[in-house]
Amino acid sequence: MKRTAPARFGMLIEADRCVGCYSCQLACRDEHSGRDHTPIAAAQPDASPSWIAIRKSERGSFPKIKVAYVPVPCLHCVEAPCIKAAPEAITRRDDGIVIIDPVKARGRRDIVDSCPYGAISWNEAAALPQKCTLCAHLLDDGWREPRCVEACPTQALVFGDAADRASPLARRLAEVKAEKLPPGTGAPAVIYSGLPGPFIAGEVVLGDRSGEPAVGVSVTLKNGTDTLHSSTDAFGDFEFAGLESGAHYVLWIAHAGYKPREVSINSGDDCNLGSIELQPTR
């Protein structure tokens, strides 16, 4: 039995939970490749890009390296640039899902370039622009979530009715810091948290005990009125992640019996400070 759609579908993508397993892509392929769901979507060709991309970035420098994964489907923007580019072929349903009509959009390759997130692909064989539909055909038949959300083993994707405060999506949105995927246009219905921001890392070495890891050294990072506190781990390492891009920071390192050190940093990029040596006061 079909149900009435919720007032406003949405999705939260917690990027810091994504491990790059590509289960979402496989589920999307399984549901859409070679399977026609007109009028919501024509079949996805085997050779086309997935309708949910996984952006992989390798950050930092040896030995302080991070790998980040960010899933990117269609963001189903409230003020969708693709709708402005082709209002006769693309519509936004009452539940918030943006649909490219597989008949009216045929031959409109310009629609691909209208998306600032690169979420629309071109089906060469069918001469058709295509993208994620949030599995609208399944939702219309009573499914509670799209196939990508169902397949995610780390629960990095949370789906639901953003207008319903009791929904898993609304509850989770109240617990995290919501972010917009750059360039941050179009008032997207797909919201992010935990997007990879610049990190600062390094190692503390005690001048008179260079053969031993400097454990428990106080490390403080300041940015104007914001102050972050940490301490070195069992290897003498420290790290501050998710920092503001382009901001100026001052790192303060202090340990009993040693002269403190201050380091000035601009966090435009990920920063590996290497070894910072503290000299004894005596």
Protein backbone atom coordinates (compact mmCIF):
# COMPACT_ATOMS: atom_id res chain seq x y z
CA MET A 1 0.00 0.00 0.00
CA LYS A 2 1.40 3.37 -1.01
CA ARG A 3 1.76 6.06 1.61
CA THR A 4 1.49 9.82 1.60
CA ALA A 5 4.97 11.34 1.31
CA PRO A 6 6.36 13.29 4.27
CA ALA A 7 6.34 17.06 4.09
CA ARG A 8 10.05 17.49 3.41
CA PHE A 9 12.49 14.71 2.61
CA GLY A 10 16.14 15.32 3.42
CA MET A 11 19.41 13.59 4.12
CA LEU A 12 22.31 14.17 6.48
CA ILE A 13 25.72 12.95 5.32
CA GLU A 14 28.17 12.62 8.21
CA ALA A 15 31.39 12.73 6.22
CA ASP A 16 33.60 11.83 9.18
CA ARG A 17 31.77 8.48 9.41
CA CYS A 18 32.39 7.54 5.78
CA VAL A 19 35.15 4.93 5.38
CA GLY A 20 35.09 4.73 1.59
CA CYS A 21 33.59 1.25 1.37
CA TYR A 22 31.49 2.25 -1.69
CA SER A 23 28.48 0.24 -0.46
CA CYS A 24 26.26 3.21 -1.35
CA GLN A 25 27.52 3.18 -4.93
CA LEU A 26 26.98 -0.57 -5.26
CA ALA A 27 23.44 -0.29 -3.89
CA CYS A 28 22.69 2.55 -6.31
CA ARG A 29 23.98 0.48 -9.21
CA ASP A 30 21.96 -2.51 -8.13
CA GLU A 31 18.76 -0.46 -8.03
CA HIS A 32 19.17 1.67 -11.15
CA SER A 33 21.60 0.04 -13.59
CA GLY A 34 19.61 -1.35 -16.50
CA ARG A 35 16.31 -0.83 -14.64
CA ASP A 36 13.86 1.74 -15.97
CA HIS A 37 11.85 3.71 -13.41
CA THR A 38 10.16 6.18 -15.77
CA PRO A 39 8.70 8.76 -15.16
CA ILE A 40 11.08 9.22 -12.24
CA ALA A 41 14.26 8.05 -13.98
CA ALA A 42 15.33 6.08 -17.02
CA ALA A 43 17.72 3.19 -16.57
CA GLN A 44 21.24 4.02 -15.45
CA PRO A 45 23.80 2.79 -18.03
CA ASP A 46 26.52 0.44 -16.79
CA ALA A 47 29.30 2.71 -18.06
CA SER A 48 28.04 5.98 -16.56
CA PRO A 49 29.31 7.60 -13.35
CA SER A 50 27.48 6.52 -10.23
CA TRP A 51 24.66 8.78 -9.08
CA ILE A 52 26.43 9.07 -5.71
CA ALA A 53 30.10 9.97 -6.09
CA ILE A 54 32.70 9.35 -3.38
CA ARG A 55 35.23 12.16 -3.29
CA LYS A 56 38.52 10.90 -1.90
CA SER A 57 41.23 13.27 -0.69
CA GLU A 58 44.68 12.48 0.70
CA ARG A 59 45.82 15.19 3.05
CA GLY A 60 48.89 16.21 4.99
CA SER A 61 52.46 14.99 4.55
CA PHE A 62 54.38 11.97 5.78
CA PRO A 63 54.11 10.76 8.49
CA LYS A 64 50.99 12.81 9.33
CA ILE A 65 48.62 11.75 6.56
CA LYS A 66 44.83 11.54 6.49
CA VAL A 67 42.46 10.11 3.90
CA ALA A 68 38.96 11.61 3.78
CA TYR A 69 35.88 10.42 1.90
CA VAL A 70 32.86 12.59 1.10
CA PRO A 71 29.75 11.03 -0.53
CA VAL A 72 28.10 13.40 -3.02
CA PRO A 73 24.67 12.59 -4.50
CA CYS A 74 22.30 15.18 -5.93
CA LEU A 75 21.69 17.66 -3.10
CA HIS A 76 18.04 18.27 -4.10
CA CYS A 77 18.38 22.02 -3.69
CA VAL A 78 15.38 24.10 -2.68
CA GLU A 79 16.51 26.78 -5.14
CA ALA A 80 17.95 24.31 -7.61
CA PRO A 81 20.19 25.80 -10.34
CA CYS A 82 19.21 22.92 -12.64
CA ILE A 83 15.52 23.87 -12.35
CA LYS A 84 16.38 27.47 -13.23
CA ALA A 85 18.29 26.18 -16.27
CA ALA A 86 15.48 23.89 -17.48
CA PRO A 87 12.18 24.53 -15.68
CA GLU A 88 10.27 22.72 -18.41
CA ALA A 89 12.24 19.50 -17.82
CA ILE A 90 13.12 19.51 -14.10
CA THR A 91 10.71 19.82 -11.18
CA ARG A 92 10.84 19.73 -7.42
CA ARG A 93 8.16 17.52 -5.89
CA ASP A 94 6.11 18.54 -2.88
CA ASP A 95 8.28 16.26 -0.74
CA GLY A 96 11.43 18.11 -1.85
CA ILE A 97 12.86 15.58 -4.32
CA VAL A 98 14.17 17.12 -7.54
CA ILE A 99 13.34 15.04 -10.62
CA ILE A 100 14.74 15.28 -14.15
CA ASP A 101 11.97 14.19 -16.53
CA PRO A 102 13.54 11.44 -18.68
CA VAL A 103 11.40 12.44 -21.67
CA LYS A 104 11.42 16.24 -21.53
CA ALA A 105 15.13 16.45 -20.72
CA ARG A 106 16.27 14.29 -23.63
CA GLY A 107 19.05 15.98 -25.61
CA ARG A 108 19.62 18.68 -22.95
CA ARG A 109 23.33 18.22 -22.27
CA ASP A 110 23.47 21.79 -20.95
CA ILE A 111 21.64 20.58 -17.82
CA VAL A 112 24.79 18.68 -16.77
CA ASP A 113 26.74 21.94 -16.51
CA SER A 114 24.02 23.70 -14.50
CA CYS A 115 24.83 21.78 -11.30
CA PRO A 116 27.52 23.48 -9.17
CA TYR A 117 28.18 20.18 -7.37
CA GLY A 118 28.80 18.09 -10.50
CA ALA A 119 25.99 15.73 -9.46
CA ILE A 120 24.37 15.37 -12.90
CA SER A 121 25.85 12.88 -15.36
CA TRP A 122 25.27 12.44 -19.08
CA ASN A 123 23.82 9.19 -20.42
CA GLU A 124 25.45 9.13 -23.86
CA ALA A 125 23.40 6.21 -25.19
CA ALA A 126 20.07 7.78 -24.24
CA ALA A 127 21.21 11.41 -24.76
CA LEU A 128 19.87 12.16 -21.31
CA PRO A 129 21.06 14.01 -18.17
CA GLN A 130 20.60 11.86 -15.05
CA LYS A 131 21.14 12.04 -11.30
CA CYS A 132 20.15 10.68 -7.91
CA THR A 133 16.40 10.60 -7.28
CA LEU A 134 16.68 9.53 -3.62
CA CYS A 135 15.03 6.34 -4.92
CA ALA A 136 11.74 8.24 -5.17
CA HIS A 137 10.07 5.27 -6.86
CA LEU A 138 10.76 3.16 -3.77
CA LEU A 139 9.68 5.87 -1.34
CA ASP A 140 6.41 6.19 -3.25
CA ASP A 141 5.89 2.47 -2.72
CA GLY A 142 6.38 2.75 1.03
CA TRP A 143 10.13 2.35 1.52
CA ARG A 144 11.49 4.26 4.49
CA GLU A 145 14.84 5.22 2.94
CA PRO A 146 16.82 5.12 -0.33
CA ARG A 147 19.00 2.12 -1.17
CA CYS A 148 22.26 4.00 -0.44
CA VAL A 149 21.11 4.79 3.11
CA GLU A 150 19.98 1.23 3.68
CA ALA A 151 23.38 -0.12 2.54
CA CYS A 152 25.66 2.20 4.56
CA PRO A 153 27.38 0.07 7.26
CA THR A 154 28.63 3.06 9.31
CA GLN A 155 25.34 5.01 9.29
CA ALA A 156 27.07 7.93 7.59
CA LEU A 157 23.82 8.58 5.69
CA VAL A 158 20.69 9.53 7.64
CA PHE A 159 17.40 9.99 5.79
CA GLY A 160 13.96 11.15 6.82
CA ASP A 161 11.42 13.93 7.08
CA ALA A 162 13.22 17.07 8.18
CA ALA A 163 9.88 18.64 9.14
CA ASP A 164 9.10 15.85 11.62
CA ARG A 165 10.96 16.50 14.87
CA ALA A 166 10.59 12.84 15.83
CA SER A 167 12.26 11.53 12.66
CA PRO A 168 15.80 10.08 12.84
CA LEU A 169 16.95 12.86 10.50
CA ALA A 170 15.56 15.72 12.59
CA ARG A 171 16.91 14.20 15.81
CA ARG A 172 20.38 13.75 14.34
CA LEU A 173 20.42 17.25 12.84
CA ALA A 174 19.79 18.60 16.34
CA GLU A 175 22.92 16.78 17.58
CA VAL A 176 25.51 17.77 14.96
CA LYS A 177 26.91 20.95 13.47
CA ALA A 178 25.33 21.22 10.03
CA GLU A 179 27.56 22.25 7.14
CA LYS A 180 27.13 22.98 3.44
CA LEU A 181 29.20 21.29 0.78
CA PRO A 182 31.14 23.93 -1.20
CA PRO A 183 30.21 25.98 -3.12
CA GLY A 184 27.22 26.02 -0.76
CA THR A 185 24.60 27.23 -3.22
CA GLY A 186 20.99 26.29 -3.84
CA ALA A 187 19.78 25.71 -0.24
CA PRO A 188 20.32 21.92 -0.42
CA ALA A 189 18.05 19.35 1.20
CA VAL A 190 21.14 17.16 1.63
CA ILE A 191 23.10 18.54 4.57
CA TYR A 192 26.61 17.63 5.71
CA SER A 193 28.46 17.39 8.98
CA GLY A 194 32.06 16.45 9.70
CA LEU A 195 33.41 17.71 6.39
CA PRO A 196 37.22 17.48 6.34
CA GLY A 197 38.77 20.75 7.51
CA PRO A 198 42.46 21.66 7.85
CA PHE A 199 44.41 19.89 10.56
CA ILE A 200 47.57 20.77 12.45
CA ALA A 201 49.77 17.96 13.71
CA GLY A 202 53.25 17.51 15.10
CA GLU A 203 55.49 15.79 17.59
CA VAL A 204 56.99 17.08 20.84
CA VAL A 205 60.53 16.07 21.79
CA LEU A 206 62.16 16.75 25.15
CA GLY A 207 65.70 18.04 24.60
CA ASP A 208 67.33 16.05 27.38
CA ARG A 209 65.26 12.88 26.75
CA SER A 210 65.20 12.68 22.96
CA GLY A 211 65.16 8.89 22.98
CA GLU A 212 61.84 8.76 24.85
CA PRO A 213 58.37 9.81 23.65
CA ALA A 214 57.18 13.05 25.28
CA VAL A 215 53.90 11.80 26.76
CA GLY A 216 51.28 14.10 28.28
CA VAL A 217 52.77 17.42 27.19
CA SER A 218 50.19 20.22 27.23
CA VAL A 219 49.41 21.60 23.76
CA THR A 220 47.05 24.56 23.32
CA LEU A 221 45.82 26.06 20.05
CA LYS A 222 44.36 29.56 20.04
CA ASN A 223 42.44 31.45 17.37
CA GLY A 224 41.26 34.81 18.62
CA THR A 225 38.81 33.99 21.42
CA ASP A 226 38.69 30.25 20.67
CA THR A 227 41.02 27.94 22.57
CA LEU A 228 41.53 24.22 21.98
CA HIS A 229 43.33 22.07 24.54
CA SER A 230 45.09 18.76 23.99
CA SER A 231 48.12 16.79 25.10
CA THR A 232 50.62 14.52 23.40
CA ASP A 233 49.81 10.82 23.11
CA ALA A 234 51.91 7.75 23.89
CA PHE A 235 54.16 8.55 20.92
CA GLY A 236 54.59 12.24 21.74
CA ASP A 237 52.26 13.24 18.89
CA PHE A 238 49.46 15.82 18.90
CA GLU A 239 46.76 16.82 16.44
CA PHE A 240 44.00 19.39 16.03
CA ALA A 241 41.47 18.60 13.27
CA GLY A 242 38.49 20.33 11.65
CA LEU A 243 40.04 23.79 11.81
CA GLU A 244 38.89 26.92 10.02
CA SER A 245 40.49 27.32 6.62
CA GLY A 246 42.65 30.41 6.23
CA ALA A 247 42.57 31.28 9.93
CA HIS A 248 45.57 32.34 12.02
CA TYR A 249 46.45 30.15 14.99
CA VAL A 250 48.99 30.27 17.79
CA LEU A 251 50.25 26.97 19.19
CA TRP A 252 51.47 26.97 22.81
CA ILE A 253 53.39 23.97 24.15
CA ALA A 254 54.19 23.71 27.88
CA HIS A 255 55.60 21.00 30.15
CA ALA A 256 56.78 21.15 33.75
CA GLY A 257 60.55 21.59 33.93
CA TYR A 258 60.88 22.78 30.32
CA LYS A 259 60.82 26.12 28.54
CA PRO A 260 57.51 26.66 26.72
CA ARG A 261 57.36 27.09 22.94
CA GLU A 262 55.06 29.23 20.84
CA VAL A 263 54.45 28.64 17.13
CA SER A 264 52.44 30.92 14.80
CA ILE A 265 50.45 29.10 12.08
CA ASN A 266 48.16 29.96 9.17
CA SER A 267 45.81 27.01 8.54
CA GLY A 268 45.17 27.48 4.83
CA ASP A 269 46.36 23.92 4.26
CA ASP A 270 46.93 20.84 6.40
CA CYS A 271 50.05 21.48 8.43
CA ASN A 272 52.61 18.98 9.72
CA LEU A 273 54.87 20.90 12.08
CA GLY A 274 57.29 18.02 12.45
CA SER A 275 59.30 17.71 15.68
CA ILE A 276 59.17 20.58 18.17
CA GLU A 277 61.85 20.38 20.84
CA LEU A 278 61.46 21.65 24.38
CA GLN A 279 64.61 22.52 26.31
CA PRO A 280 64.88 21.96 30.10
CA THR A 281 64.74 25.07 32.28
CA ARG A 282 67.83 24.07 34.27
